Protein backbone atom coordinates (compact mmCIF):
# COMPACT_ATOMS: atom_id res chain seq x y z
CA MET A 1 -5.74 12.29 1.19
CA PHE A 2 -7.19 10.31 3.89
CA GLN A 3 -5.98 12.33 7.50
CA ASN A 4 -9.06 14.01 8.52
CA ILE A 5 -10.93 10.93 8.06
CA GLY A 6 -12.08 10.42 11.77
CA PHE A 7 -13.91 7.73 13.21
CA PRO A 8 -17.49 8.95 12.42
CA GLY A 9 -16.04 9.28 8.60
CA LEU A 10 -15.19 5.28 8.70
CA ILE A 11 -18.24 4.92 9.58
CA LEU A 12 -20.30 6.75 7.20
CA ILE A 13 -18.33 4.41 4.37
CA LEU A 14 -18.84 1.07 5.83
CA ILE A 15 -22.47 2.27 5.71
CA ILE A 16 -22.09 3.58 2.37
CA ALA A 17 -20.33 0.32 1.00
CA LEU A 18 -23.00 -1.41 2.71
CA VAL A 19 -25.81 -0.35 0.97
CA ILE A 20 -24.01 -0.30 -2.16
CA PHE A 21 -22.20 -3.83 -2.26
CA GLY A 22 -24.66 -5.54 0.01
CA PRO A 23 -23.59 -7.46 3.51
CA LYS A 24 -22.86 -10.48 1.17
CA LYS A 25 -20.21 -9.14 -1.46
CA LEU A 26 -18.81 -6.77 1.27
CA PRO A 27 -15.96 -9.61 2.76
CA GLU A 28 -15.32 -10.57 -0.63
CA ILE A 29 -14.19 -6.72 -1.28
CA GLY A 30 -12.48 -5.84 2.04
CA LYS A 31 -10.43 -9.03 0.52
CA ALA A 32 -9.52 -8.41 -2.31
CA ALA A 33 -8.50 -4.38 -1.16
CA GLY A 34 -6.24 -6.10 1.41
CA GLN A 35 -4.55 -8.60 -1.18
CA THR A 36 -4.30 -5.37 -3.48
CA LEU A 37 -3.05 -3.28 -0.36
CA ARG A 38 -0.45 -6.26 0.30
CA GLU A 39 1.35 -6.58 -3.00
CA PHE A 40 1.77 -2.70 -3.04
CA LYS A 41 3.70 -1.88 -0.47
CA LYS A 42 5.68 -5.37 -0.98
CA SER A 43 6.06 -3.97 -4.63
CA THR A 44 7.93 -0.35 -3.34
CA ARG A 45 9.36 -2.78 -0.69
CA ASP A 46 11.03 -4.23 -3.75
CA LEU A 47 11.71 -1.33 -5.49
CA THR A 48 13.07 0.55 -2.72
CA SER A 49 15.46 -2.14 -1.57
CA ASP A 50 16.70 -2.23 -6.03
CA VAL A 51 16.95 1.59 -5.32
CA THR A 52 19.20 0.73 -2.63
CA ASP A 53 21.67 -2.03 -3.98
CA GLU A 54 21.81 0.04 -6.85
CA LEU A 55 23.14 3.28 -4.61
CA ASP A 56 25.24 1.07 -2.88
CA GLU A 57 26.82 -0.52 -5.88
CA ALA A 58 27.69 3.08 -7.10
CA LYS A 59 29.20 4.41 -4.07
CA GLU A 60 31.47 0.58 -3.90
CA ILE A 61 32.70 1.96 -7.42
CA ILE A 62 33.58 5.34 -6.82
CA LYS A 63 35.54 4.23 -3.48
CA GLU A 64 37.87 1.94 -5.87
CA ASN A 65 38.12 4.83 -7.95
CA LYS A 66 39.47 7.09 -5.86
């Protein structure tokens, strides 16, 4: 989705955000976005490890039953 946004596009988005939210509110919004992204990545990692653990357990059960 964001593969085609280059440096000029990012500058334009930053300018629009600066006009809409103002310079005082922008750092707070950036911090909140960073925390949300960090939490999303952590949840994704946890979910992936849960699925991997389940697959490993299933492989062990299959090996035991052979």
